[in-house]
């Protein structure tokens, strides 16, 4: 859908914004996750009930069953709201890790960046976590969300840097015959 540069920039900006908000406003982010999870549960129940009403035969019972399961999950999420927020943060962390590793994979395809980007991203993440933990006492209050926010911000910054990296037009590593001839000075032989 997007080219490499645009997707890296979009993922990077989202990572930086989420990381910054998770570090500055952890209580609001956790509350937002609980609210967003509730909205998703309600929309899922409405969708499954609609599919159950419009379904035929055994399909109808299947969709009613899924709606009932979502209703139970919704009730449990109201009773155990902090657990649901942590589980939803795990999902966000998994997405951030996936984006970080997809950036690593992209960097491995380009030999000039793989020796700088991969260790730099990991070392910068650990150093930033250590600095925040040491210098900001509120960092340890909500350690899990703070660490996820820090790594999301670091992976986002490196994704933005990778987005500004100038990629060659040929990503498979093969040179066209015209480029080889120009570099070797044999372009006169083609005439």
N, C-alpha and C. Protein backbone atom coordinates (compact mmCIF):
# COMPACT_ATOMS: atom_id res chain seq x y z
N UNK A 1 0.83 -1.18 0.00
CA UNK A 1 0.00 0.00 0.00
C UNK A 1 0.88 1.25 0.00
N UNK A 2 1.82 1.33 0.94
CA UNK A 2 2.75 2.46 0.97
C UNK A 2 4.12 1.98 0.52
N UNK A 3 4.93 2.92 0.08
CA UNK A 3 6.30 2.55 -0.21
C UNK A 3 7.07 2.44 1.11
N UNK A 4 8.30 1.99 1.03
CA UNK A 4 9.09 1.72 2.24
C UNK A 4 9.31 2.97 3.07
N UNK A 5 9.62 4.07 2.41
CA UNK A 5 9.90 5.31 3.14
C UNK A 5 8.67 5.79 3.90
N UNK A 6 7.52 5.80 3.24
CA UNK A 6 6.30 6.29 3.88
C UNK A 6 5.88 5.40 5.04
N UNK A 7 5.96 4.08 4.85
CA UNK A 7 5.54 3.19 5.94
C UNK A 7 6.47 3.31 7.13
N UNK A 8 7.77 3.47 6.89
CA UNK A 8 8.70 3.67 8.01
C UNK A 8 8.41 4.97 8.74
N UNK A 9 8.13 6.02 8.00
CA UNK A 9 7.83 7.30 8.64
C UNK A 9 6.54 7.24 9.44
N UNK A 10 5.50 6.62 8.89
CA UNK A 10 4.22 6.54 9.61
C UNK A 10 4.37 5.70 10.87
N UNK A 11 5.00 4.53 10.75
CA UNK A 11 5.20 3.68 11.94
C UNK A 11 6.06 4.39 12.97
N UNK A 12 7.08 5.11 12.51
CA UNK A 12 7.95 5.82 13.42
C UNK A 12 7.23 6.92 14.17
N UNK A 13 6.42 7.70 13.46
CA UNK A 13 5.68 8.78 14.11
C UNK A 13 4.68 8.22 15.12
N UNK A 14 3.99 7.15 14.76
CA UNK A 14 3.05 6.53 15.70
C UNK A 14 3.79 6.00 16.92
N UNK A 15 4.96 5.37 16.72
CA UNK A 15 5.74 4.86 17.84
C UNK A 15 6.23 5.96 18.76
N UNK A 16 6.70 7.06 18.18
CA UNK A 16 7.18 8.17 19.00
C UNK A 16 6.04 8.80 19.79
N UNK A 17 4.90 9.01 19.13
CA UNK A 17 3.75 9.62 19.83
C UNK A 17 3.26 8.71 20.95
N UNK A 18 3.10 7.40 20.66
CA UNK A 18 2.66 6.48 21.72
C UNK A 18 3.67 6.42 22.85
N UNK A 19 4.96 6.33 22.52
CA UNK A 19 5.99 6.27 23.56
C UNK A 19 6.00 7.52 24.42
N UNK A 20 5.90 8.68 23.79
CA UNK A 20 5.89 9.93 24.54
C UNK A 20 4.66 10.00 25.47
N UNK A 21 3.48 9.65 24.93
CA UNK A 21 2.28 9.68 25.75
C UNK A 21 2.34 8.65 26.87
N UNK A 22 2.88 7.48 26.60
CA UNK A 22 2.98 6.44 27.63
C UNK A 22 3.93 6.86 28.74
N UNK A 23 4.97 7.62 28.41
CA UNK A 23 5.89 8.10 29.43
C UNK A 23 5.35 9.29 30.20
N UNK A 24 4.66 10.19 29.53
CA UNK A 24 4.19 11.40 30.19
C UNK A 24 2.84 11.22 30.90
N UNK A 25 1.96 10.43 30.33
CA UNK A 25 0.60 10.28 30.87
C UNK A 25 0.22 8.81 31.02
N UNK A 26 0.91 8.04 31.86
CA UNK A 26 0.63 6.60 31.92
C UNK A 26 -0.77 6.27 32.42
N UNK A 27 -1.29 7.04 33.38
CA UNK A 27 -2.63 6.75 33.90
C UNK A 27 -3.70 7.00 32.84
N UNK A 28 -3.55 8.08 32.10
CA UNK A 28 -4.52 8.39 31.05
C UNK A 28 -4.44 7.35 29.93
N UNK A 29 -3.23 6.92 29.57
CA UNK A 29 -3.07 5.90 28.53
C UNK A 29 -3.70 4.58 28.98
N UNK A 30 -3.49 4.20 30.23
CA UNK A 30 -4.09 2.97 30.73
C UNK A 30 -5.61 3.08 30.72
N UNK A 31 -6.15 4.22 31.14
CA UNK A 31 -7.60 4.44 31.09
C UNK A 31 -8.13 4.43 29.66
N UNK A 32 -7.34 4.99 28.75
CA UNK A 32 -7.74 4.99 27.35
C UNK A 32 -7.78 3.56 26.81
N UNK A 33 -6.82 2.73 27.21
CA UNK A 33 -6.82 1.34 26.77
C UNK A 33 -8.06 0.61 27.29
N UNK A 34 -8.42 0.87 28.53
CA UNK A 34 -9.62 0.23 29.09
C UNK A 34 -10.86 0.66 28.31
N UNK A 35 -10.98 1.96 28.04
CA UNK A 35 -12.12 2.46 27.28
C UNK A 35 -12.15 1.94 25.85
N UNK A 36 -10.99 1.91 25.21
CA UNK A 36 -10.91 1.41 23.84
C UNK A 36 -11.26 -0.08 23.79
N UNK A 37 -10.81 -0.84 24.78
CA UNK A 37 -11.14 -2.25 24.84
C UNK A 37 -12.64 -2.44 25.03
N UNK A 38 -13.26 -1.61 25.87
CA UNK A 38 -14.71 -1.69 26.06
C UNK A 38 -15.47 -1.38 24.78
N UNK A 39 -15.02 -0.38 24.05
CA UNK A 39 -15.66 -0.05 22.78
C UNK A 39 -15.54 -1.20 21.79
N UNK A 40 -14.36 -1.82 21.73
CA UNK A 40 -14.17 -2.97 20.83
C UNK A 40 -15.08 -4.14 21.23
N UNK A 41 -15.23 -4.38 22.52
CA UNK A 41 -16.11 -5.46 22.99
C UNK A 41 -17.55 -5.18 22.59
N UNK A 42 -18.01 -3.96 22.81
CA UNK A 42 -19.40 -3.60 22.47
C UNK A 42 -19.63 -3.72 20.97
N UNK A 43 -18.70 -3.21 20.16
CA UNK A 43 -18.85 -3.32 18.71
C UNK A 43 -18.84 -4.78 18.26
N UNK A 44 -18.01 -5.61 18.88
CA UNK A 44 -17.97 -7.03 18.55
C UNK A 44 -19.28 -7.72 18.89
N UNK A 45 -19.85 -7.40 20.05
CA UNK A 45 -21.13 -8.01 20.45
C UNK A 45 -22.23 -7.60 19.48
N UNK A 46 -22.27 -6.32 19.13
CA UNK A 46 -23.29 -5.85 18.19
C UNK A 46 -23.12 -6.54 16.83
N UNK A 47 -21.90 -6.66 16.35
CA UNK A 47 -21.65 -7.32 15.07
C UNK A 47 -22.06 -8.78 15.12
N UNK A 48 -21.68 -9.48 16.18
CA UNK A 48 -22.02 -10.91 16.28
C UNK A 48 -23.53 -11.13 16.40
N UNK A 49 -24.22 -10.25 17.12
CA UNK A 49 -25.68 -10.39 17.22
C UNK A 49 -26.33 -10.11 15.86
N UNK A 50 -25.81 -9.12 15.14
CA UNK A 50 -26.32 -8.85 13.79
C UNK A 50 -26.11 -10.06 12.88
N UNK A 51 -24.92 -10.65 12.95
CA UNK A 51 -24.64 -11.84 12.13
C UNK A 51 -25.49 -13.03 12.56
N UNK A 52 -25.79 -13.12 13.86
CA UNK A 52 -26.63 -14.22 14.34
C UNK A 52 -28.07 -14.06 13.87
N UNK A 53 -28.57 -12.82 13.85
CA UNK A 53 -29.95 -12.58 13.42
C UNK A 53 -30.08 -12.82 11.91
N UNK A 54 -29.07 -12.43 11.15
CA UNK A 54 -29.15 -12.59 9.70
C UNK A 54 -28.67 -13.95 9.22
N UNK A 55 -28.02 -14.74 10.10
CA UNK A 55 -27.50 -16.05 9.71
C UNK A 55 -28.60 -17.09 9.61
N UNK A 56 -28.25 -18.21 8.99
CA UNK A 56 -29.22 -19.28 8.79
C UNK A 56 -28.77 -20.52 9.54
N UNK A 57 -29.68 -21.19 10.18
CA UNK A 57 -29.44 -22.50 10.79
C UNK A 57 -28.39 -22.48 11.88
N UNK A 58 -27.38 -23.35 11.71
CA UNK A 58 -26.33 -23.49 12.72
C UNK A 58 -25.42 -22.26 12.81
N UNK A 59 -25.33 -21.51 11.73
CA UNK A 59 -24.54 -20.28 11.76
C UNK A 59 -25.07 -19.33 12.82
N UNK A 60 -26.37 -19.26 12.96
CA UNK A 60 -26.99 -18.35 13.91
C UNK A 60 -26.55 -18.68 15.34
N UNK A 61 -26.52 -19.95 15.70
CA UNK A 61 -26.10 -20.34 17.05
C UNK A 61 -24.62 -20.05 17.27
N UNK A 62 -23.83 -20.23 16.23
CA UNK A 62 -22.40 -19.94 16.34
C UNK A 62 -22.17 -18.47 16.67
N UNK A 63 -22.86 -17.57 15.95
CA UNK A 63 -22.67 -16.13 16.18
C UNK A 63 -23.25 -15.71 17.53
N UNK A 64 -24.37 -16.31 17.95
CA UNK A 64 -24.88 -16.03 19.29
C UNK A 64 -23.89 -16.49 20.36
N UNK A 65 -23.26 -17.63 20.12
CA UNK A 65 -22.24 -18.13 21.06
C UNK A 65 -21.06 -17.18 21.17
N UNK A 66 -20.60 -16.68 20.04
CA UNK A 66 -19.49 -15.72 20.07
C UNK A 66 -19.89 -14.41 20.76
N UNK A 67 -21.13 -13.98 20.54
CA UNK A 67 -21.61 -12.78 21.23
C UNK A 67 -21.65 -13.02 22.75
N UNK A 68 -22.06 -14.21 23.16
CA UNK A 68 -22.09 -14.54 24.59
C UNK A 68 -20.69 -14.57 25.18
N UNK A 69 -19.73 -15.12 24.44
CA UNK A 69 -18.34 -15.15 24.91
C UNK A 69 -17.80 -13.72 25.06
N UNK A 70 -18.09 -12.87 24.10
CA UNK A 70 -17.65 -11.47 24.21
C UNK A 70 -18.34 -10.76 25.37
N UNK A 71 -19.58 -11.10 25.64
CA UNK A 71 -20.27 -10.51 26.79
C UNK A 71 -19.60 -10.93 28.09
N UNK A 72 -19.21 -12.18 28.21
CA UNK A 72 -18.50 -12.65 29.40
C UNK A 72 -17.15 -11.94 29.52
N UNK A 73 -16.44 -11.81 28.40
CA UNK A 73 -15.16 -11.10 28.42
C UNK A 73 -15.38 -9.64 28.83
N UNK A 74 -16.44 -9.01 28.35
CA UNK A 74 -16.74 -7.64 28.73
C UNK A 74 -17.03 -7.50 30.21
N UNK A 75 -17.81 -8.43 30.78
CA UNK A 75 -18.12 -8.38 32.21
C UNK A 75 -16.85 -8.60 33.02
N UNK A 76 -16.03 -9.56 32.60
CA UNK A 76 -14.76 -9.79 33.32
C UNK A 76 -13.84 -8.58 33.20
N UNK A 77 -13.88 -7.89 32.07
CA UNK A 77 -13.03 -6.71 31.93
C UNK A 77 -13.49 -5.57 32.82
N UNK A 78 -14.78 -5.53 33.13
CA UNK A 78 -15.26 -4.52 34.07
C UNK A 78 -14.84 -4.88 35.49
N UNK A 79 -14.91 -6.17 35.81
CA UNK A 79 -14.55 -6.61 37.15
C UNK A 79 -13.04 -6.51 37.37
N UNK A 80 -12.26 -6.90 36.38
CA UNK A 80 -10.80 -6.92 36.49
C UNK A 80 -10.20 -5.94 35.47
N UNK A 81 -10.53 -4.69 35.59
CA UNK A 81 -10.11 -3.68 34.61
C UNK A 81 -8.59 -3.52 34.51
N UNK A 82 -7.84 -3.50 35.60
CA UNK A 82 -6.38 -3.34 35.45
C UNK A 82 -5.73 -4.49 34.67
N UNK A 83 -6.24 -5.70 34.85
CA UNK A 83 -5.69 -6.83 34.12
C UNK A 83 -5.94 -6.68 32.62
N UNK A 84 -7.11 -6.21 32.26
CA UNK A 84 -7.43 -6.00 30.85
C UNK A 84 -6.54 -4.91 30.26
N UNK A 85 -6.28 -3.86 31.03
CA UNK A 85 -5.40 -2.80 30.54
C UNK A 85 -3.99 -3.34 30.30
N UNK A 86 -3.50 -4.18 31.21
CA UNK A 86 -2.17 -4.76 31.04
C UNK A 86 -2.14 -5.68 29.83
N UNK A 87 -3.19 -6.48 29.63
CA UNK A 87 -3.24 -7.36 28.46
C UNK A 87 -3.27 -6.55 27.17
N UNK A 88 -4.02 -5.45 27.18
CA UNK A 88 -4.07 -4.61 25.99
C UNK A 88 -2.72 -3.94 25.74
N UNK A 89 -2.02 -3.58 26.81
CA UNK A 89 -0.67 -3.01 26.67
C UNK A 89 0.28 -4.06 26.11
N UNK A 90 0.08 -5.34 26.50
CA UNK A 90 0.87 -6.42 25.91
C UNK A 90 0.67 -6.47 24.40
N UNK A 91 -0.55 -6.28 23.95
CA UNK A 91 -0.84 -6.28 22.52
C UNK A 91 -0.10 -5.13 21.84
N UNK A 92 -0.15 -3.95 22.43
CA UNK A 92 0.56 -2.80 21.88
C UNK A 92 2.07 -3.06 21.88
N UNK A 93 2.57 -3.68 22.95
CA UNK A 93 4.00 -4.00 23.01
C UNK A 93 4.37 -4.99 21.90
N UNK A 94 3.52 -5.97 21.66
CA UNK A 94 3.78 -6.94 20.60
C UNK A 94 3.82 -6.25 19.23
N UNK A 95 2.93 -5.30 19.02
CA UNK A 95 2.92 -4.55 17.76
C UNK A 95 4.20 -3.72 17.63
N UNK A 96 4.63 -3.10 18.73
CA UNK A 96 5.86 -2.30 18.70
C UNK A 96 7.08 -3.19 18.43
N UNK A 97 7.10 -4.37 19.04
CA UNK A 97 8.21 -5.29 18.81
C UNK A 97 8.21 -5.76 17.36
N UNK A 98 7.02 -6.06 16.83
CA UNK A 98 6.92 -6.46 15.42
C UNK A 98 7.44 -5.36 14.50
N UNK A 99 7.05 -4.12 14.78
CA UNK A 99 7.53 -3.01 13.96
C UNK A 99 9.05 -2.85 14.07
N UNK A 100 9.58 -3.03 15.28
CA UNK A 100 11.02 -2.94 15.47
C UNK A 100 11.75 -4.02 14.69
N UNK A 101 11.23 -5.25 14.74
CA UNK A 101 11.88 -6.33 14.02
C UNK A 101 11.69 -6.23 12.51
N UNK A 102 10.58 -5.65 12.08
CA UNK A 102 10.44 -5.43 10.63
C UNK A 102 11.42 -4.36 10.17
N UNK A 103 11.70 -3.37 11.02
CA UNK A 103 12.74 -2.40 10.68
C UNK A 103 14.11 -3.06 10.66
N UNK A 104 14.35 -3.99 11.59
CA UNK A 104 15.62 -4.71 11.60
C UNK A 104 15.75 -5.53 10.32
N UNK A 105 14.67 -6.18 9.92
CA UNK A 105 14.70 -6.96 8.68
C UNK A 105 14.98 -6.06 7.49
N UNK A 106 14.35 -4.89 7.48
CA UNK A 106 14.60 -3.94 6.40
C UNK A 106 16.05 -3.48 6.41
N UNK A 107 16.59 -3.27 7.60
CA UNK A 107 17.99 -2.84 7.69
C UNK A 107 18.94 -3.95 7.25
N UNK A 108 18.58 -5.20 7.51
CA UNK A 108 19.45 -6.31 7.09
C UNK A 108 19.51 -6.44 5.58
N UNK A 109 18.48 -5.98 4.89
CA UNK A 109 18.49 -6.03 3.43
C UNK A 109 19.44 -5.00 2.84
N UNK A 110 19.83 -4.02 3.62
CA UNK A 110 20.71 -2.97 3.16
C UNK A 110 21.99 -3.01 3.99
N UNK A 111 23.07 -3.52 3.44
CA UNK A 111 24.29 -3.75 4.22
C UNK A 111 24.86 -2.52 4.91
N UNK A 112 24.63 -1.35 4.37
CA UNK A 112 25.20 -0.15 4.98
C UNK A 112 24.54 0.17 6.31
N UNK A 113 23.31 -0.25 6.52
CA UNK A 113 22.60 0.13 7.75
C UNK A 113 22.60 -0.96 8.80
N UNK A 114 22.85 -2.21 8.43
CA UNK A 114 22.64 -3.28 9.40
C UNK A 114 23.63 -3.25 10.55
N UNK A 115 24.84 -2.78 10.35
CA UNK A 115 25.81 -2.76 11.43
C UNK A 115 25.64 -1.56 12.35
N UNK A 116 24.91 -0.57 11.92
CA UNK A 116 24.70 0.62 12.72
C UNK A 116 23.32 0.60 13.37
N UNK A 117 22.31 0.26 12.62
CA UNK A 117 20.93 0.39 13.09
C UNK A 117 20.56 -0.61 14.17
N UNK A 118 20.87 -1.87 13.96
CA UNK A 118 20.41 -2.91 14.89
C UNK A 118 21.02 -2.75 16.28
N UNK A 119 22.36 -2.71 16.40
CA UNK A 119 22.91 -2.52 17.76
C UNK A 119 22.55 -1.16 18.34
N UNK A 120 22.49 -0.15 17.49
CA UNK A 120 22.15 1.19 17.97
C UNK A 120 20.76 1.25 18.55
N UNK A 121 19.81 0.58 17.92
CA UNK A 121 18.43 0.58 18.39
C UNK A 121 18.32 -0.13 19.74
N UNK A 122 18.97 -1.27 19.87
CA UNK A 122 18.88 -2.04 21.11
C UNK A 122 19.63 -1.34 22.24
N UNK A 123 20.83 -0.86 21.97
CA UNK A 123 21.62 -0.19 23.01
C UNK A 123 20.94 1.11 23.44
N UNK A 124 20.42 1.87 22.49
CA UNK A 124 19.74 3.13 22.84
C UNK A 124 18.51 2.86 23.69
N UNK A 125 17.79 1.80 23.40
CA UNK A 125 16.62 1.46 24.21
C UNK A 125 16.99 1.15 25.64
N UNK A 126 18.01 0.31 25.84
CA UNK A 126 18.42 -0.05 27.20
C UNK A 126 19.02 1.15 27.94
N UNK A 127 19.80 1.96 27.25
CA UNK A 127 20.38 3.14 27.91
C UNK A 127 19.28 4.12 28.31
N UNK A 128 18.31 4.32 27.43
CA UNK A 128 17.22 5.25 27.76
C UNK A 128 16.38 4.74 28.92
N UNK A 129 16.12 3.43 28.97
CA UNK A 129 15.40 2.86 30.12
C UNK A 129 16.19 3.08 31.40
N UNK A 130 17.50 2.84 31.35
CA UNK A 130 18.34 3.04 32.54
C UNK A 130 18.36 4.50 32.98
N UNK A 131 18.48 5.41 32.02
CA UNK A 131 18.50 6.84 32.36
C UNK A 131 17.17 7.27 32.96
N UNK A 132 16.07 6.87 32.34
CA UNK A 132 14.75 7.23 32.88
C UNK A 132 14.54 6.63 34.26
N UNK A 133 14.95 5.40 34.46
CA UNK A 133 14.76 4.74 35.75
C UNK A 133 15.59 5.43 36.84
N UNK A 134 16.79 5.86 36.48
CA UNK A 134 17.67 6.48 37.47
C UNK A 134 17.28 7.92 37.78
N UNK A 135 16.94 8.70 36.75
CA UNK A 135 16.74 10.13 36.95
C UNK A 135 15.29 10.54 37.17
N UNK A 136 14.33 9.71 36.80
CA UNK A 136 12.93 10.05 36.98
C UNK A 136 12.27 9.06 37.92
N UNK A 137 11.97 9.51 39.15
CA UNK A 137 11.42 8.57 40.14
C UNK A 137 10.04 8.03 39.76
N UNK A 138 9.26 8.76 38.99
CA UNK A 138 7.94 8.30 38.60
C UNK A 138 7.97 7.20 37.54
N UNK A 139 9.14 6.98 36.97
CA UNK A 139 9.28 5.95 35.93
C UNK A 139 8.98 4.56 36.48
N UNK A 140 9.42 4.29 37.71
CA UNK A 140 9.25 2.96 38.30
C UNK A 140 7.84 2.74 38.82
N UNK A 141 7.04 3.80 38.91
CA UNK A 141 5.67 3.67 39.42
C UNK A 141 4.85 2.74 38.53
N UNK A 142 4.96 2.91 37.25
CA UNK A 142 4.26 2.05 36.29
C UNK A 142 5.32 1.53 35.33
N UNK A 143 6.13 0.61 35.83
CA UNK A 143 7.33 0.19 35.12
C UNK A 143 7.03 -0.45 33.78
N UNK A 144 6.03 -1.32 33.72
CA UNK A 144 5.76 -2.03 32.47
C UNK A 144 5.38 -1.06 31.36
N UNK A 145 4.44 -0.16 31.63
CA UNK A 145 4.03 0.80 30.61
C UNK A 145 5.16 1.75 30.27
N UNK A 146 5.99 2.10 31.24
CA UNK A 146 7.12 2.99 30.99
C UNK A 146 8.16 2.34 30.08
N UNK A 147 8.46 1.06 30.32
CA UNK A 147 9.44 0.36 29.48
C UNK A 147 8.89 0.19 28.07
N UNK A 148 7.61 -0.19 27.96
CA UNK A 148 6.99 -0.34 26.63
C UNK A 148 7.00 1.01 25.91
N UNK A 149 6.67 2.08 26.61
CA UNK A 149 6.68 3.41 25.99
C UNK A 149 8.07 3.84 25.55
N UNK A 150 9.07 3.52 26.38
CA UNK A 150 10.45 3.89 26.03
C UNK A 150 10.90 3.16 24.77
N UNK A 151 10.67 1.85 24.73
CA UNK A 151 11.10 1.10 23.55
C UNK A 151 10.28 1.47 22.32
N UNK A 152 8.99 1.77 22.49
CA UNK A 152 8.19 2.22 21.35
C UNK A 152 8.73 3.53 20.81
N UNK A 153 9.15 4.42 21.71
CA UNK A 153 9.70 5.70 21.27
C UNK A 153 11.05 5.49 20.56
N UNK A 154 11.90 4.63 21.10
CA UNK A 154 13.21 4.38 20.48
C UNK A 154 13.03 3.70 19.13
N UNK A 155 12.18 2.66 19.07
CA UNK A 155 11.94 1.99 17.79
C UNK A 155 11.32 2.96 16.79
N UNK A 156 10.46 3.87 17.27
CA UNK A 156 9.86 4.86 16.39
C UNK A 156 10.90 5.82 15.83
N UNK A 157 11.82 6.27 16.69
CA UNK A 157 12.87 7.18 16.21
C UNK A 157 13.76 6.50 15.19
N UNK A 158 14.11 5.25 15.44
CA UNK A 158 14.94 4.55 14.47
C UNK A 158 14.17 4.25 13.19
N UNK A 159 12.88 4.02 13.30
CA UNK A 159 12.07 3.81 12.10
C UNK A 159 12.01 5.09 11.27
N UNK A 160 11.91 6.23 11.94
CA UNK A 160 11.94 7.51 11.22
C UNK A 160 13.29 7.70 10.54
N UNK A 161 14.37 7.37 11.25
CA UNK A 161 15.71 7.48 10.65
C UNK A 161 15.82 6.55 9.44
N UNK A 162 15.26 5.35 9.56
CA UNK A 162 15.30 4.42 8.44
C UNK A 162 14.44 4.92 7.29
N UNK A 163 13.36 5.64 7.61
CA UNK A 163 12.52 6.22 6.56
C UNK A 163 13.24 7.31 5.78
N UNK A 164 14.13 8.04 6.44
CA UNK A 164 14.88 9.08 5.75
C UNK A 164 16.13 8.55 5.07
N UNK A 165 16.46 7.27 5.33
CA UNK A 165 17.59 6.65 4.66
C UNK A 165 17.28 6.54 3.17
N UNK A 166 18.23 6.84 2.35
CA UNK A 166 18.00 6.82 0.91
C UNK A 166 18.18 5.40 0.37
N UNK A 167 17.06 4.80 0.00
CA UNK A 167 17.09 3.45 -0.53
C UNK A 167 17.38 3.50 -2.02
N UNK A 168 18.12 2.50 -2.48
CA UNK A 168 18.37 2.39 -3.91
C UNK A 168 17.11 1.91 -4.59
N UNK A 169 17.00 2.18 -5.86
CA UNK A 169 15.83 1.76 -6.62
C UNK A 169 15.78 0.24 -6.73
N UNK A 170 16.94 -0.42 -6.77
CA UNK A 170 16.98 -1.86 -6.91
C UNK A 170 17.25 -2.46 -5.53
N UNK A 171 16.25 -3.13 -4.97
CA UNK A 171 16.39 -3.66 -3.63
C UNK A 171 16.87 -5.10 -3.61
N UNK A 172 16.91 -5.76 -4.74
CA UNK A 172 17.32 -7.16 -4.73
C UNK A 172 18.83 -7.33 -4.81
N UNK A 173 19.58 -6.25 -4.88
CA UNK A 173 21.02 -6.32 -4.85
C UNK A 173 21.65 -6.55 -6.21
N UNK A 174 20.86 -6.75 -7.23
CA UNK A 174 21.41 -7.00 -8.55
C UNK A 174 21.55 -5.67 -9.29
N UNK A 175 22.65 -5.54 -10.00
CA UNK A 175 22.86 -4.35 -10.81
C UNK A 175 22.37 -4.62 -12.21
N UNK A 176 21.83 -3.61 -12.83
CA UNK A 176 21.43 -3.77 -14.22
C UNK A 176 22.68 -3.72 -15.09
N UNK A 177 22.57 -4.23 -16.28
CA UNK A 177 23.74 -4.28 -17.17
C UNK A 177 24.21 -2.87 -17.54
N UNK A 178 23.28 -1.91 -17.60
CA UNK A 178 23.68 -0.54 -17.93
C UNK A 178 24.54 0.05 -16.83
N UNK A 179 24.19 -0.19 -15.57
CA UNK A 179 24.98 0.33 -14.46
C UNK A 179 26.36 -0.32 -14.42
N UNK A 180 26.43 -1.62 -14.70
CA UNK A 180 27.71 -2.30 -14.69
C UNK A 180 28.61 -1.76 -15.80
N UNK A 181 28.03 -1.55 -16.97
CA UNK A 181 28.82 -1.04 -18.08
C UNK A 181 29.31 0.38 -17.83
N UNK A 182 28.47 1.19 -17.22
CA UNK A 182 28.88 2.57 -16.95
C UNK A 182 30.01 2.59 -15.91
N UNK A 183 29.88 1.76 -14.87
CA UNK A 183 30.91 1.75 -13.83
C UNK A 183 32.23 1.19 -14.32
N UNK A 184 32.18 0.22 -15.20
CA UNK A 184 33.42 -0.37 -15.69
C UNK A 184 34.02 0.39 -16.85
N UNK A 185 33.30 1.35 -17.38
CA UNK A 185 33.81 2.14 -18.48
C UNK A 185 33.66 1.44 -19.83
N UNK A 186 32.86 0.43 -19.89
CA UNK A 186 32.70 -0.32 -21.13
C UNK A 186 31.45 0.09 -21.89
N UNK A 187 30.96 1.29 -21.64
CA UNK A 187 29.74 1.71 -22.34
C UNK A 187 30.01 2.02 -23.79
N UNK A 188 31.25 2.27 -24.18
CA UNK A 188 31.55 2.50 -25.58
C UNK A 188 31.48 1.23 -26.40
N UNK A 189 31.66 0.09 -25.75
CA UNK A 189 31.65 -1.17 -26.48
C UNK A 189 30.23 -1.54 -26.93
N UNK A 190 29.23 -1.01 -26.29
CA UNK A 190 27.85 -1.34 -26.63
C UNK A 190 27.44 -0.71 -27.95
N UNK A 191 28.07 0.38 -28.34
CA UNK A 191 27.68 1.09 -29.56
C UNK A 191 28.07 0.38 -30.79
